[in-house]
Amino acid sequence: METSISFRVAKDDLASAVAWVARSLPSKPTQPVLRGMLITADDDGLELAGFDYEVSTKQRISAEVSQNGRIAVAGKLIADITSTLPNKPVDVTVDGSKVLLSCGASRFELPSIPLDDYPQLPALPEVTGAIDPKLFTEAVTQVATAAGRDETLPMLTGVHFEVHGEDVLLAATDRFRLAVRSFNWIPRNPQVEAKLLIPAKTLLENARSLDTSLNDPVEIAVGNDEQIGSDGLFGVHADTRQTTTRMLDADFPNFRPLLPKSHTSIASVEIAPLLDAIRRVALVADRNAQIRMSFSEGQVVLDAGGNDSGHAEEVLPCAFAGEPLHIAFNPGYLKDGLAVITTNRVVFGFTQPSRPAIMIPEPEVLPEADGNGEFPTPATDFTYLLMPVRLPG
């Protein structure tokens, strides 16, 4: 069944909304109808939406609507078109099975997608809590970097989202590293308790697309009371945009025993020069396999190389306490962790060269050794735990 529709909308408003919705549309849909973007014109303006049975997106924008109605068009195509239009009002009408779009001297005629087979979009669950958009983006970015990408291990492709009243904890791991971030939010119910698992890729896309300049908090919607997570959807509502994502039906591993409470040595290094040094030294690492780090009082020596690729070495100043240590890491994982630490310096905590090390933002005061010569883990809201690479010999 075809529908009539007629509206005029500002080019920038349309292009921004269409581009945002189109990002979540599948490139190779299982059903042709899922490549469509649903455009609804009503007395309140326009609603643009997309859905592929896993992720739904909706955004509202203002428009001059002459005739209410609903159409569906190829989402990525209309996104490409609107991004190239001149900065003039865009007029959209329907002629039979064709959608006519005009802007200045530009004219486009697009086939409409029949609405009969378009799936019903899910409703946003009840709002559970709210969080500052900048904080949400930072926390998700920090944790999602450690999520797995192996679809045969679905429990590792998600971000663990744990709520205890005002306290929220995010965690992700791919077995080689673990990222944990804690923060506070404003729950609707102060006694709320929940453990959820959200696909990391979608959650990261949601976080990165937020307008962090907005003062309004981001609302997280997974239901309330006994209904939390019951419909399997994780909803995010920010300003005029809302998304839902189907959560993963899997159990996240018990990660807390992996986090060491004390360390035999600790080091503090400035992040920017350390990242630069890793990039240089890793150029001669065999297949990007490992970069070795030797910590001693006042310095850390980075080196890499193999039989065929040569050898590189660089020395950096470092505040170090404890037993001198030789340890090796995957340089990619090491750079990922350093890139999401927001302080100027990183603190490493070590136990043994064969055991995982932690990387945390530098606290105001570094811990001192206790009576056993061990350094307690400083209080921190972010921890990046990294498995070392086995050293030869």
Protein backbone atom coordinates (compact mmCIF):
# COMPACT_ATOMS: atom_id res chain seq x y z
CA MET A 1 0.00 0.00 0.00
CA GLU A 2 1.49 3.34 -1.05
CA THR A 3 0.92 6.52 0.90
CA SER A 4 0.85 10.21 0.17
CA ILE A 5 3.22 12.55 1.95
CA SER A 6 4.46 16.11 1.53
CA PHE A 7 6.89 18.13 3.62
CA ARG A 8 9.65 20.75 3.55
CA VAL A 9 12.64 20.49 5.86
CA ALA A 10 15.95 22.30 6.45
CA LYS A 11 18.76 20.57 4.57
CA ASP A 12 21.18 20.40 7.53
CA ASP A 13 18.53 18.98 9.88
CA LEU A 14 17.55 16.30 7.36
CA ALA A 15 21.12 15.38 6.42
CA SER A 16 22.20 15.03 10.07
CA ALA A 17 19.22 12.87 11.05
CA VAL A 18 19.35 10.69 7.94
CA ALA A 19 23.09 10.09 8.35
CA TRP A 20 22.64 9.08 11.98
CA VAL A 21 19.83 6.61 11.29
CA ALA A 22 21.56 5.20 8.19
CA ARG A 23 24.67 4.32 10.23
CA SER A 24 22.76 1.51 11.92
CA LEU A 25 21.16 0.09 8.77
CA PRO A 26 22.65 -3.22 7.56
CA SER A 27 24.91 -3.11 4.49
CA LYS A 28 23.86 -6.64 3.51
CA PRO A 29 20.35 -7.07 4.93
CA THR A 30 18.85 -10.52 5.36
CA GLN A 31 15.63 -9.07 3.92
CA PRO A 32 15.58 -6.27 1.30
CA VAL A 33 13.01 -4.29 3.31
CA LEU A 34 15.54 -3.84 6.15
CA ARG A 35 17.65 -1.48 4.02
CA GLY A 36 14.76 0.94 4.21
CA MET A 37 14.52 4.08 6.29
CA LEU A 38 11.06 4.82 7.59
CA ILE A 39 10.01 8.48 7.32
CA THR A 40 6.84 9.52 9.15
CA ALA A 41 5.42 13.02 8.67
CA ASP A 42 2.85 14.20 11.22
CA ASP A 43 1.70 17.30 13.06
CA ASP A 44 4.91 17.28 15.17
CA GLY A 45 7.31 17.19 12.20
CA LEU A 46 9.31 14.21 10.96
CA GLU A 47 10.37 10.94 12.56
CA LEU A 48 13.13 9.01 10.80
CA ALA A 49 13.67 5.41 11.84
CA GLY A 50 15.48 2.19 10.96
CA PHE A 51 15.40 -1.38 12.30
CA ASP A 52 17.18 -4.65 11.47
CA TYR A 53 15.64 -6.81 14.26
CA GLU A 54 18.76 -6.20 16.42
CA VAL A 55 19.18 -2.41 16.53
CA SER A 56 16.48 0.24 16.13
CA THR A 57 17.06 3.99 15.72
CA LYS A 58 14.63 6.91 15.77
CA GLN A 59 15.10 10.66 15.53
CA ARG A 60 12.61 13.53 15.47
CA ILE A 61 13.25 16.78 13.59
CA SER A 62 11.18 19.86 12.82
CA ALA A 63 9.58 20.20 9.38
CA GLU A 64 6.76 21.98 7.57
CA VAL A 65 4.36 19.11 6.90
CA SER A 66 1.71 19.72 4.24
CA GLN A 67 0.40 16.16 4.14
CA ASN A 68 0.81 13.57 6.88
CA GLY A 69 1.93 10.12 5.88
CA ARG A 70 4.60 7.46 6.01
CA ILE A 71 7.10 6.21 3.44
CA ALA A 72 10.20 4.02 3.33
CA VAL A 73 13.19 4.62 1.08
CA ALA A 74 16.66 3.12 0.75
CA GLY A 75 18.39 4.55 3.82
CA LYS A 76 22.03 4.63 2.79
CA LEU A 77 21.08 6.07 -0.63
CA ILE A 78 19.08 8.96 0.81
CA ALA A 79 21.92 9.58 3.29
CA ASP A 80 24.39 9.85 0.41
CA ILE A 81 22.04 12.18 -1.47
CA THR A 82 21.27 14.57 1.40
CA SER A 83 24.95 14.89 2.32
CA THR A 84 25.66 16.42 -1.13
CA LEU A 85 22.67 18.76 -1.42
CA PRO A 86 23.05 22.56 -1.50
CA ASN A 87 22.16 24.45 1.67
CA LYS A 88 18.55 25.10 0.70
CA PRO A 89 15.19 23.73 1.89
CA VAL A 90 14.44 20.16 0.86
CA ASP A 91 10.96 19.31 -0.48
CA VAL A 92 9.72 15.71 -0.46
CA THR A 93 6.49 14.44 -2.05
CA VAL A 94 5.16 11.10 -3.31
CA ASP A 95 4.00 10.31 -6.83
CA GLY A 96 2.59 6.79 -6.93
CA SER A 97 5.47 4.46 -6.07
CA LYS A 98 8.07 7.21 -6.48
CA VAL A 99 9.47 9.53 -3.82
CA LEU A 100 10.33 12.92 -5.28
CA LEU A 101 13.04 14.96 -3.57
CA SER A 102 14.03 18.46 -4.67
CA CYS A 103 16.52 20.95 -3.29
CA GLY A 104 17.44 24.08 -5.21
CA ALA A 105 18.18 22.96 -8.77
CA SER A 106 18.60 19.30 -7.74
CA ARG A 107 15.86 16.74 -8.41
CA PHE A 108 15.81 13.08 -7.37
CA GLU A 109 13.25 10.36 -8.01
CA LEU A 110 13.61 7.38 -5.68
CA PRO A 111 11.62 4.14 -5.56
CA SER A 112 9.62 3.77 -2.38
CA ILE A 113 9.89 0.55 -0.40
CA PRO A 114 6.51 -1.14 0.28
CA LEU A 115 5.52 -0.76 3.92
CA ASP A 116 3.58 -4.02 4.17
CA ASP A 117 6.66 -6.06 5.11
CA TYR A 118 8.40 -3.41 7.22
CA PRO A 119 8.86 -4.75 10.79
CA GLN A 120 7.22 -3.14 13.80
CA LEU A 121 9.80 -1.02 15.62
CA PRO A 122 10.26 -1.91 19.30
CA ALA A 123 9.13 0.52 21.97
CA LEU A 124 11.73 2.07 24.24
CA PRO A 125 11.74 0.30 27.63
CA GLU A 126 10.96 2.29 30.76
CA VAL A 127 13.80 4.67 31.73
CA THR A 128 16.05 3.18 34.42
CA GLY A 129 18.55 5.97 35.03
CA ALA A 130 20.35 8.99 33.61
CA ILE A 131 23.99 9.94 33.10
CA ASP A 132 25.99 12.90 31.82
CA PRO A 133 26.63 12.32 28.06
CA LYS A 134 30.34 13.16 28.27
CA LEU A 135 30.83 10.71 31.14
CA PHE A 136 28.86 8.01 29.33
CA THR A 137 30.92 8.42 26.15
CA GLU A 138 34.21 8.36 28.07
CA ALA A 139 33.30 5.28 30.12
CA VAL A 140 31.98 3.24 27.18
CA THR A 141 35.00 4.15 25.03
CA GLN A 142 37.41 3.10 27.77
CA VAL A 143 35.78 -0.28 28.30
CA ALA A 144 34.71 -1.26 24.77
CA THR A 145 38.32 -1.20 23.58
CA ALA A 146 38.90 -4.48 25.45
CA ALA A 147 35.82 -6.30 24.11
CA GLY A 148 36.29 -9.40 21.98
CA ARG A 149 35.47 -9.55 18.27
CA ASP A 150 35.16 -13.33 17.94
CA GLU A 151 31.47 -14.01 17.26
CA THR A 152 31.91 -17.66 18.31
CA LEU A 153 32.41 -16.36 21.88
CA PRO A 154 29.40 -14.04 22.18
CA MET A 155 29.81 -13.45 25.93
CA LEU A 156 33.14 -11.74 25.18
CA THR A 157 31.76 -9.43 22.46
CA GLY A 158 29.64 -7.51 24.96
CA VAL A 159 30.04 -4.89 27.65
CA HIS A 160 28.96 -6.06 31.09
CA PHE A 161 26.67 -3.38 32.59
CA GLU A 162 26.22 -3.79 36.34
CA VAL A 163 24.03 -1.50 38.45
CA HIS A 164 23.79 -1.21 42.24
CA GLY A 165 21.67 1.84 43.03
CA GLU A 166 23.73 4.92 42.14
CA ASP A 167 26.81 2.85 41.28
CA VAL A 168 27.40 1.58 37.74
CA LEU A 169 30.24 -0.70 36.63
CA LEU A 170 31.17 -1.48 33.02
CA ALA A 171 33.55 -4.31 32.08
CA ALA A 172 34.74 -6.01 28.90
CA THR A 173 37.38 -8.60 28.04
CA ASP A 174 38.70 -10.57 25.08
CA ARG A 175 40.75 -12.94 27.35
CA PHE A 176 43.97 -11.02 26.68
CA ARG A 177 42.96 -7.78 28.40
CA LEU A 178 40.21 -6.59 30.71
CA ALA A 179 38.85 -3.06 31.11
CA VAL A 180 36.72 -2.03 34.10
CA ARG A 181 35.14 1.40 34.67
CA SER A 182 32.94 2.56 37.54
CA PHE A 183 30.88 5.75 37.80
CA ASN A 184 27.75 7.18 39.39
CA TRP A 185 24.45 7.90 37.71
CA ILE A 186 20.95 9.05 38.71
CA PRO A 187 18.68 5.99 38.98
CA ARG A 188 14.90 6.24 38.89
CA ASN A 189 14.82 3.71 41.74
CA PRO A 190 17.63 4.16 44.34
CA GLN A 191 17.53 0.39 45.06
CA VAL A 192 17.87 -0.71 41.44
CA GLU A 193 19.96 -3.86 40.80
CA ALA A 194 20.84 -5.20 37.36
CA LYS A 195 23.43 -7.19 35.41
CA LEU A 196 23.18 -6.81 31.63
CA LEU A 197 25.33 -7.66 28.61
CA ILE A 198 25.20 -5.24 25.66
CA PRO A 199 26.91 -5.75 22.28
CA ALA A 200 30.09 -3.64 22.53
CA LYS A 201 30.12 -2.53 18.90
CA THR A 202 26.60 -1.08 19.06
CA LEU A 203 27.10 0.48 22.49
CA LEU A 204 30.29 2.18 21.30
CA GLU A 205 28.54 3.53 18.19
CA ASN A 206 25.76 4.89 20.41
CA ALA A 207 28.24 6.58 22.75
CA ARG A 208 30.32 8.11 19.97
CA SER A 209 27.27 9.57 18.22
CA LEU A 210 26.11 11.48 21.32
CA ASP A 211 26.33 15.26 21.33
CA THR A 212 28.51 15.68 24.41
CA SER A 213 27.95 19.45 24.39
CA LEU A 214 24.33 18.96 25.49
CA ASN A 215 23.50 19.65 29.12
CA ASP A 216 20.63 17.17 29.21
CA PRO A 217 21.58 13.76 30.61
CA VAL A 218 21.44 10.58 28.55
CA GLU A 219 18.63 8.28 29.66
CA ILE A 220 19.32 4.54 29.86
CA ALA A 221 16.14 2.51 29.44
CA VAL A 222 16.05 -1.17 30.43
CA GLY A 223 12.91 -1.17 32.59
CA ASN A 224 12.43 -0.98 36.35
CA ASP A 225 11.85 -3.21 39.36
CA GLU A 226 11.24 -6.84 38.36
CA GLN A 227 10.95 -5.80 34.72
CA ILE A 228 14.63 -4.80 34.32
CA GLY A 229 15.99 -6.37 31.15
CA SER A 230 12.92 -8.58 30.79
CA ASP A 231 12.25 -7.60 27.17
CA GLY A 232 15.92 -8.08 26.21
CA LEU A 233 16.36 -4.50 25.00
CA PHE A 234 18.91 -1.87 26.01
CA GLY A 235 17.55 1.58 25.23
CA VAL A 236 19.35 4.93 25.02
CA HIS A 237 17.46 8.23 24.78
CA ALA A 238 19.32 11.51 24.21
CA ASP A 239 17.67 14.73 23.08
CA THR A 240 15.66 13.87 19.93
CA ARG A 241 17.33 10.49 19.37
CA GLN A 242 16.59 7.07 20.73
CA THR A 243 18.00 3.61 20.06
CA THR A 244 17.32 0.09 21.22
CA THR A 245 19.75 -2.81 21.03
CA ARG A 246 18.98 -6.48 21.61
CA MET A 247 21.11 -7.58 24.55
CA LEU A 248 23.28 -10.69 24.54
CA ASP A 249 21.81 -13.75 26.23
CA ALA A 250 25.04 -14.96 27.84
CA ASP A 251 26.87 -14.84 31.16
CA PHE A 252 29.86 -12.55 31.47
CA PRO A 253 32.87 -14.23 33.12
CA ASN A 254 33.64 -13.59 36.78
CA PHE A 255 36.42 -11.02 36.37
CA ARG A 256 36.92 -9.70 39.90
CA PRO A 257 39.39 -12.39 41.07
CA LEU A 258 41.67 -11.34 38.19
CA LEU A 259 42.23 -7.86 39.62
CA PRO A 260 45.29 -7.88 41.90
CA LYS A 261 44.97 -6.10 45.23
CA SER A 262 48.71 -5.47 45.61
CA HIS A 263 51.88 -5.36 43.51
CA THR A 264 55.56 -6.12 43.94
CA SER A 265 56.49 -3.04 41.91
CA ILE A 266 54.83 0.04 40.43
CA ALA A 267 55.83 2.51 37.73
CA SER A 268 54.57 5.91 36.60
CA VAL A 269 55.29 6.99 33.01
CA GLU A 270 54.18 9.98 30.93
CA ILE A 271 51.71 8.65 28.34
CA ALA A 272 52.43 10.78 25.24
CA PRO A 273 56.17 10.00 24.95
CA LEU A 274 55.50 6.37 25.88
CA LEU A 275 53.00 6.00 23.03
CA ASP A 276 55.45 7.58 20.59
CA ALA A 277 58.23 5.26 21.73
CA ILE A 278 56.01 2.18 21.40
CA ARG A 279 55.07 3.14 17.84
CA ARG A 280 58.73 3.54 16.87
CA VAL A 281 60.10 0.45 18.59
CA ALA A 282 57.22 -1.75 17.38
CA LEU A 283 58.21 -1.11 13.75
CA VAL A 284 60.80 -3.89 14.04
CA ALA A 285 58.72 -6.27 16.15
CA ASP A 286 58.20 -9.64 14.48
CA ARG A 287 54.64 -9.49 13.08
CA ASN A 288 53.81 -6.95 15.77
CA ALA A 289 54.32 -9.82 18.22
CA GLN A 290 55.76 -8.20 21.33
CA ILE A 291 57.54 -5.23 22.79
CA ARG A 292 59.76 -5.77 25.80
CA MET A 293 59.86 -3.34 28.72
CA SER A 294 62.59 -3.31 31.36
CA PHE A 295 61.72 -1.26 34.43
CA SER A 296 64.33 -0.11 36.95
CA GLU A 297 64.88 2.92 39.13
CA GLY A 298 64.38 6.12 37.11
CA GLN A 299 63.85 4.55 33.69
CA VAL A 300 62.08 2.09 31.43
CA VAL A 301 63.84 0.57 28.42
CA LEU A 302 61.64 -0.46 25.48
CA ASP A 303 63.03 -2.84 22.90
CA ALA A 304 61.81 -5.09 20.10
CA GLY A 305 63.16 -6.95 17.15
CA GLY A 306 63.87 -10.34 15.71
CA ASN A 307 66.29 -12.23 13.51
CA ASP A 308 65.15 -10.69 10.24
CA SER A 309 63.72 -7.30 11.14
CA GLY A 310 66.56 -5.72 13.09
CA HIS A 311 66.39 -4.30 16.60
CA ALA A 312 65.11 -1.08 18.20
CA GLU A 313 65.55 0.32 21.67
CA GLU A 314 64.43 3.47 23.44
CA VAL A 315 64.89 4.71 27.02
CA LEU A 316 62.28 6.84 28.81
CA PRO A 317 62.28 8.43 32.27
CA CYS A 318 60.06 6.60 34.71
CA ALA A 319 59.18 6.84 38.40
CA PHE A 320 59.67 3.27 39.62
CA ALA A 321 59.56 1.50 42.98
CA GLY A 322 60.04 -2.18 43.76
CA GLU A 323 62.00 -5.04 42.25
CA PRO A 324 63.43 -4.40 38.72
CA LEU A 325 61.26 -6.12 36.14
CA HIS A 326 61.44 -7.40 32.55
CA ILE A 327 58.05 -7.93 30.92
CA ALA A 328 56.66 -8.08 27.35
CA PHE A 329 53.33 -6.99 25.87
CA ASN A 330 51.46 -7.02 22.60
CA PRO A 331 52.11 -3.44 21.40
CA GLY A 332 48.60 -3.04 19.95
CA TYR A 333 46.93 -3.96 23.23
CA LEU A 334 49.36 -1.73 25.11
CA LYS A 335 48.58 1.27 22.88
CA ASP A 336 44.82 0.63 23.17
CA GLY A 337 45.02 0.85 26.95
CA LEU A 338 47.18 3.96 26.99
CA ALA A 339 44.88 5.69 24.49
CA VAL A 340 41.85 5.55 26.82
CA ILE A 341 43.58 6.70 30.02
CA THR A 342 42.65 10.35 30.50
CA THR A 343 45.49 11.50 32.79
CA ASN A 344 48.90 12.68 31.53
CA ARG A 345 50.66 9.77 33.20
CA VAL A 346 49.86 6.06 33.53
CA VAL A 347 50.62 3.94 36.58
CA PHE A 348 51.59 0.31 36.01
CA GLY A 349 51.24 -2.27 38.74
CA PHE A 350 53.24 -5.53 38.43
CA THR A 351 53.37 -8.82 40.32
CA GLN A 352 55.38 -11.23 38.12
CA PRO A 353 56.54 -11.04 34.47
CA SER A 354 54.21 -13.94 33.68
CA ARG A 355 51.18 -12.47 35.47
CA PRO A 356 48.78 -9.75 34.25
CA ALA A 357 49.76 -6.13 34.91
CA ILE A 358 47.36 -3.27 35.56
CA MET A 359 47.36 0.16 33.96
CA ILE A 360 45.43 2.95 35.72
CA PRO A 361 45.19 6.76 35.58
CA GLU A 362 47.79 8.31 37.83
CA PRO A 363 46.31 9.00 41.30
CA GLU A 364 47.12 12.12 43.29
CA VAL A 365 49.41 10.12 45.57
CA LEU A 366 51.28 6.96 44.62
CA PRO A 367 51.05 4.13 47.17
CA GLU A 368 53.94 3.28 49.42
CA ALA A 369 55.11 -0.24 50.16
CA ASP A 370 53.57 -2.01 53.13
CA GLY A 371 55.40 -4.14 55.68
CA ASN A 372 55.71 -6.99 53.18
CA GLY A 373 57.25 -4.73 50.54
CA GLU A 374 54.07 -4.76 48.44
CA PHE A 375 52.21 -1.80 47.00
CA PRO A 376 48.40 -1.76 47.43
CA THR A 377 46.36 -0.97 44.32
CA PRO A 378 45.36 2.73 44.44
CA ALA A 379 41.66 3.60 44.46
CA THR A 380 40.66 4.21 40.83
CA ASP A 381 37.56 4.37 38.64
CA PHE A 382 39.31 2.75 35.65
CA THR A 383 41.53 -0.32 35.39
CA TYR A 384 43.04 -1.86 32.27
CA LEU A 385 44.42 -5.33 33.00
CA LEU A 386 46.82 -6.68 30.37
CA MET A 387 48.19 -10.19 29.92
CA PRO A 388 51.91 -10.21 29.20
CA VAL A 389 53.51 -12.08 26.29
CA ARG A 390 55.72 -14.95 27.40
CA LEU A 391 59.41 -14.03 27.27
CA PRO A 392 61.73 -16.61 25.66
CA GLY A 393 63.97 -18.64 27.89
